[in-house]
Amino acid sequence: MNALIIEDEKPSARRLQRMLKKLDLNAETMLHSVEESLEWFQNNEHPDLIFLDIQLSDGLSFEIFETIEIKSAIIFTTAYDEYALQAFKLNSIDYLLKPIDEDDLEIAVKKYKERVPQKQAVTLDFNDIKKLLVNPIDRVYKKRFSVKVGQHLKLINIDDIECFYSENKGTYLFTNEGRNYLLDTTLEHLEKELEPRTFFRINRKFFVNINAIKDMVSYTNSRLQIKLKTYTDKDVIVARERVKDFKTWLE
């Protein structure tokens, strides 16, 4: 039995590899992005088992399965909240919450061996799982953010925010009043806190508020350029690999 690790954090991937070795499970190959994974699956025999992170450096790992048919069994390794995890458990071999516990890993591998004794293919419905990620039941999202202004703290309601962006290793929010504020967080963390029907991550550096979109125009290389009502500092471009999902999000 061979295994594959898809994880954008290389130290986490190496740790998982060492843990699997103790369980006599070979995981020589480690992939760290959607792009790298797509290329690998197109040129290699698919493994029996995949340890799959959700948020990769260049997008959600579900994009891999939208392009390539993969029938490998899946064990999720994720930091998503309890609602998404409960959904995954219905459709996959198991999930492991980071940081991965050795006992939990052993149980998950044992579960896989018991369920797939003869390398039977396990097909996951990734579209259903992705929908649950976008609209998990009863999930609570951020309603406001606190920002520091000098020695004071200011509350900004989520409806007053046009976009979030990263710049020079900092993460900022930009309001419909034309002000930007530095946040003590990352875009990756924001992805779990923002209402997905209102905010969409159009590329690695930007989230946009659907209510702040003034216009959309075609851009080079099959991309889209977004015109926001107030923000004009830099071009706001939907990455090519995100255009399809962005159009679906608008509907």
Protein backbone atom coordinates (compact mmCIF):
# COMPACT_ATOMS: atom_id res chain seq x y z
CA MET A 1 0.00 0.00 0.00
CA ASN A 2 1.37 3.41 -0.95
CA ALA A 3 0.27 6.82 0.20
CA LEU A 4 0.54 10.39 -1.00
CA ILE A 5 0.66 13.56 1.10
CA ILE A 6 -0.82 16.80 -0.24
CA GLU A 7 0.05 19.54 2.23
CA ASP A 8 1.32 23.08 1.60
CA GLU A 9 3.16 23.36 4.92
CA LYS A 10 6.36 21.40 4.32
CA PRO A 11 7.27 20.86 8.01
CA SER A 12 3.79 19.41 8.60
CA ALA A 13 4.15 17.19 5.54
CA ARG A 14 7.52 15.85 6.71
CA ARG A 15 6.16 15.21 10.21
CA LEU A 16 3.23 13.27 8.78
CA GLN A 17 5.61 11.30 6.57
CA ARG A 18 7.66 10.26 9.61
CA MET A 19 4.54 9.26 11.52
CA LEU A 20 3.32 7.13 8.62
CA LYS A 21 6.67 5.40 8.38
CA LYS A 22 6.18 4.17 11.95
CA LEU A 23 2.94 2.59 10.75
CA ASP A 24 4.76 0.86 7.86
CA LEU A 25 3.06 3.12 5.36
CA ASN A 26 5.14 4.43 2.48
CA ALA A 27 4.58 8.12 1.62
CA GLU A 28 7.60 9.11 -0.40
CA THR A 29 5.77 11.69 -2.51
CA MET A 30 4.68 14.98 -0.99
CA LEU A 31 2.90 17.67 -3.01
CA HIS A 32 2.39 21.23 -1.84
CA SER A 33 0.06 23.03 -4.26
CA VAL A 34 -2.87 22.54 -6.61
CA GLU A 35 -0.70 23.15 -9.66
CA GLU A 36 1.97 20.69 -8.55
CA SER A 37 -0.65 18.06 -7.72
CA LEU A 38 -2.38 18.37 -11.08
CA GLU A 39 0.87 17.83 -12.92
CA TRP A 40 1.81 14.86 -10.73
CA PHE A 41 -1.55 13.05 -11.13
CA GLN A 42 -1.39 13.48 -14.89
CA ASN A 43 1.98 11.73 -15.07
CA ASN A 44 1.97 9.13 -12.29
CA GLU A 45 0.01 6.11 -11.12
CA HIS A 46 -2.46 7.18 -8.47
CA PRO A 47 -1.82 6.01 -4.90
CA ASP A 48 -3.99 3.81 -2.72
CA LEU A 49 -4.44 6.50 -0.11
CA ILE A 50 -4.16 10.30 -0.07
CA PHE A 51 -3.63 12.43 3.02
CA LEU A 52 -5.26 15.64 1.91
CA ASP A 53 -5.07 19.15 3.29
CA ILE A 54 -7.81 21.52 2.10
CA GLN A 55 -6.22 24.96 1.93
CA LEU A 56 -3.11 24.81 -0.25
CA SER A 57 -0.77 27.62 -1.21
CA ASP A 58 -2.58 28.34 -4.49
CA GLY A 59 -6.18 27.40 -3.73
CA LEU A 60 -8.47 24.70 -2.39
CA SER A 61 -7.42 21.11 -3.00
CA PHE A 62 -10.90 20.37 -4.38
CA GLU A 63 -9.75 22.03 -7.60
CA ILE A 64 -7.56 18.96 -8.21
CA PHE A 65 -10.55 16.64 -8.23
CA GLU A 66 -12.58 18.93 -10.46
CA THR A 67 -9.95 18.45 -13.17
CA ILE A 68 -8.78 14.85 -12.70
CA GLU A 69 -10.77 11.76 -11.78
CA ILE A 70 -9.10 10.25 -8.73
CA LYS A 71 -10.41 7.14 -7.00
CA SER A 72 -7.84 6.92 -4.25
CA ALA A 73 -9.11 6.75 -0.69
CA ILE A 74 -8.87 10.03 1.22
CA ILE A 75 -8.01 10.92 4.78
CA PHE A 76 -8.41 14.63 5.40
CA THR A 77 -5.78 16.52 7.38
CA THR A 78 -7.28 19.92 8.03
CA ALA A 79 -7.70 22.80 10.43
CA TYR A 80 -11.31 23.52 9.37
CA ASP A 81 -13.94 23.87 12.04
CA GLU A 82 -16.15 21.16 13.47
CA TYR A 83 -19.03 21.58 11.03
CA ALA A 84 -16.95 20.94 7.95
CA LEU A 85 -15.19 18.09 9.70
CA GLN A 86 -18.47 16.40 10.46
CA ALA A 87 -19.36 16.62 6.80
CA PHE A 88 -16.07 15.10 5.71
CA LYS A 89 -16.54 12.18 8.02
CA LEU A 90 -19.64 11.11 6.11
CA ASN A 91 -17.83 10.97 2.80
CA SER A 92 -14.23 10.00 3.45
CA ILE A 93 -12.24 7.39 5.34
CA ASP A 94 -11.61 9.81 8.20
CA TYR A 95 -10.38 13.28 9.08
CA LEU A 96 -7.48 14.34 11.23
CA LEU A 97 -7.48 17.68 12.95
CA LYS A 98 -4.14 19.49 12.98
CA PRO A 99 -1.81 19.11 14.75
CA ILE A 100 -2.14 15.42 13.97
CA ASP A 101 -2.10 13.08 16.92
CA GLU A 102 -0.23 9.79 16.45
CA ASP A 103 -3.00 7.71 18.00
CA ASP A 104 -5.62 9.35 15.79
CA LEU A 105 -3.45 8.71 12.75
CA GLU A 106 -3.07 5.04 13.63
CA ILE A 107 -6.84 4.69 14.05
CA ALA A 108 -7.48 6.37 10.69
CA VAL A 109 -5.03 4.11 8.87
CA LYS A 110 -6.53 1.05 10.54
CA LYS A 111 -9.99 2.18 9.48
CA TYR A 112 -8.76 2.49 5.90
CA LYS A 113 -7.27 -1.01 5.94
CA GLU A 114 -10.47 -2.48 7.32
CA ARG A 115 -12.67 -0.68 4.82
CA VAL A 116 -10.48 -1.25 1.77
CA PRO A 117 -8.88 -4.68 2.33
CA GLN A 118 -8.24 -5.28 -1.36
CA LYS A 119 -7.51 -1.79 -2.64
CA GLN A 120 -11.11 -1.15 -3.53
CA ALA A 121 -11.60 2.30 -4.95
CA VAL A 122 -13.32 4.82 -2.75
CA THR A 123 -14.97 7.63 -4.68
CA LEU A 124 -15.73 10.81 -2.78
CA ASP A 125 -18.38 13.26 -3.87
CA PHE A 126 -16.18 16.34 -3.78
CA ASN A 127 -18.88 18.66 -5.12
CA ASP A 128 -21.12 17.86 -2.16
CA ILE A 129 -18.23 18.31 0.27
CA LYS A 130 -17.30 21.59 -1.34
CA LYS A 131 -20.87 22.83 -0.99
CA LEU A 132 -20.77 21.99 2.70
CA LEU A 133 -17.55 23.97 2.98
CA VAL A 134 -19.20 26.97 1.36
CA ASN A 135 -22.43 26.75 3.33
CA PRO A 136 -21.86 24.69 6.48
CA ILE A 137 -24.95 24.44 8.66
CA ASP A 138 -25.19 26.85 11.59
CA ARG A 139 -21.72 28.26 11.00
CA VAL A 140 -21.13 31.66 12.58
CA TYR A 141 -19.07 34.25 10.69
CA LYS A 142 -17.43 37.49 11.75
CA LYS A 143 -19.81 40.42 12.07
CA ARG A 144 -17.17 43.04 12.87
CA PHE A 145 -13.43 43.56 13.23
CA SER A 146 -11.53 45.53 15.83
CA VAL A 147 -8.59 47.58 14.53
CA LYS A 148 -6.02 49.67 16.33
CA VAL A 149 -5.96 53.39 15.62
CA GLY A 150 -3.16 54.95 17.62
CA GLN A 151 -3.87 54.02 21.23
CA HIS A 152 -7.54 53.33 20.51
CA LEU A 153 -9.52 50.37 19.23
CA LYS A 154 -12.12 50.92 16.53
CA LEU A 155 -14.92 48.52 15.57
CA ILE A 156 -15.69 48.13 11.87
CA ASN A 157 -18.84 46.32 10.79
CA ILE A 158 -18.40 43.67 8.12
CA ASP A 159 -20.91 45.44 5.83
CA ASP A 160 -18.64 48.49 5.74
CA ILE A 161 -15.66 46.53 4.33
CA GLU A 162 -15.07 46.50 0.57
CA CYS A 163 -12.13 44.14 0.52
CA PHE A 164 -9.30 42.48 2.40
CA TYR A 165 -5.81 42.30 0.94
CA SER A 166 -2.23 41.39 1.79
CA GLU A 167 0.71 43.67 1.13
CA ASN A 168 4.31 43.71 2.39
CA LYS A 169 3.59 40.74 4.71
CA GLY A 170 0.65 42.59 6.29
CA THR A 171 -3.10 41.97 6.02
CA TYR A 172 -5.43 44.94 5.60
CA LEU A 173 -9.13 45.70 5.38
CA PHE A 174 -10.41 48.54 3.22
CA THR A 175 -13.66 50.32 4.06
CA ASN A 176 -16.27 51.93 1.85
CA GLU A 177 -15.13 55.24 3.34
CA GLY A 178 -11.76 54.81 1.65
CA ARG A 179 -9.75 53.91 4.77
CA ASN A 180 -7.49 50.93 5.21
CA TYR A 181 -6.53 49.30 8.51
CA LEU A 182 -3.88 46.75 9.42
CA LEU A 183 -5.18 43.48 10.90
CA ASP A 184 -3.46 41.00 13.16
CA THR A 185 -4.36 37.98 11.03
CA THR A 186 -3.75 36.33 7.64
CA LEU A 187 -5.90 35.86 4.56
CA GLU A 188 -5.82 32.11 5.18
CA HIS A 189 -7.35 32.63 8.61
CA LEU A 190 -9.88 35.09 7.22
CA GLU A 191 -11.09 32.46 4.78
CA LYS A 192 -12.61 30.58 7.70
CA GLU A 193 -14.16 33.71 9.26
CA LEU A 194 -15.81 35.45 6.31
CA GLU A 195 -19.33 34.72 5.07
CA PRO A 196 -18.63 32.97 1.72
CA ARG A 197 -21.80 34.29 0.09
CA THR A 198 -20.54 37.84 0.68
CA PHE A 199 -16.76 37.56 0.35
CA PHE A 200 -14.77 35.72 -2.31
CA ARG A 201 -11.03 35.19 -2.52
CA ILE A 202 -10.28 36.17 -6.10
CA ASN A 203 -6.53 35.51 -5.89
CA ARG A 204 -3.81 34.92 -3.34
CA LYS A 205 -3.89 38.52 -2.12
CA PHE A 206 -7.53 39.67 -2.28
CA PHE A 207 -10.98 39.04 -0.87
CA VAL A 208 -13.76 41.17 -2.34
CA ASN A 209 -17.22 41.99 -1.01
CA ILE A 210 -19.92 41.22 -3.60
CA ASN A 211 -21.76 44.39 -2.57
CA ALA A 212 -18.70 46.51 -3.37
CA ILE A 213 -18.35 45.36 -6.99
CA LYS A 214 -19.07 48.22 -9.41
CA ASP A 215 -17.99 46.61 -12.68
CA MET A 216 -16.26 43.56 -14.16
CA VAL A 217 -14.31 43.50 -17.40
CA SER A 218 -12.36 40.91 -19.35
CA TYR A 219 -8.63 40.92 -18.71
CA THR A 220 -5.59 39.26 -20.27
CA ASN A 221 -5.04 35.48 -20.04
CA SER A 222 -8.73 34.66 -19.47
CA ARG A 223 -8.84 36.65 -16.24
CA LEU A 224 -11.32 39.23 -14.96
CA GLN A 225 -10.67 42.71 -13.64
CA ILE A 226 -12.91 43.89 -10.80
CA LYS A 227 -13.80 47.53 -10.31
CA LEU A 228 -14.75 48.26 -6.71
CA LYS A 229 -16.81 51.25 -5.62
CA THR A 230 -14.07 52.91 -3.58
CA TYR A 231 -10.82 50.91 -3.70
CA THR A 232 -8.58 52.07 -6.58
CA ASP A 233 -5.06 51.61 -5.19
CA LYS A 234 -4.18 48.58 -7.33
CA ASP A 235 -5.70 46.44 -10.05
CA VAL A 236 -8.07 43.85 -8.58
CA ILE A 237 -7.75 40.76 -10.78
CA VAL A 238 -9.54 37.41 -10.54
CA ALA A 239 -6.91 34.71 -11.03
CA ARG A 240 -7.50 32.53 -14.09
CA GLU A 241 -7.99 29.37 -12.04
CA ARG A 242 -10.57 31.18 -9.89
CA VAL A 243 -12.68 32.68 -12.69
CA LYS A 244 -15.05 29.71 -13.03
CA ASP A 245 -15.75 29.57 -9.29
CA PHE A 246 -16.07 33.36 -9.17
CA LYS A 247 -18.77 33.35 -11.85
CA THR A 248 -20.62 30.62 -10.00
CA TRP A 249 -20.34 32.64 -6.76
CA LEU A 250 -21.97 35.63 -8.47
CA GLU A 251 -25.10 33.66 -9.37
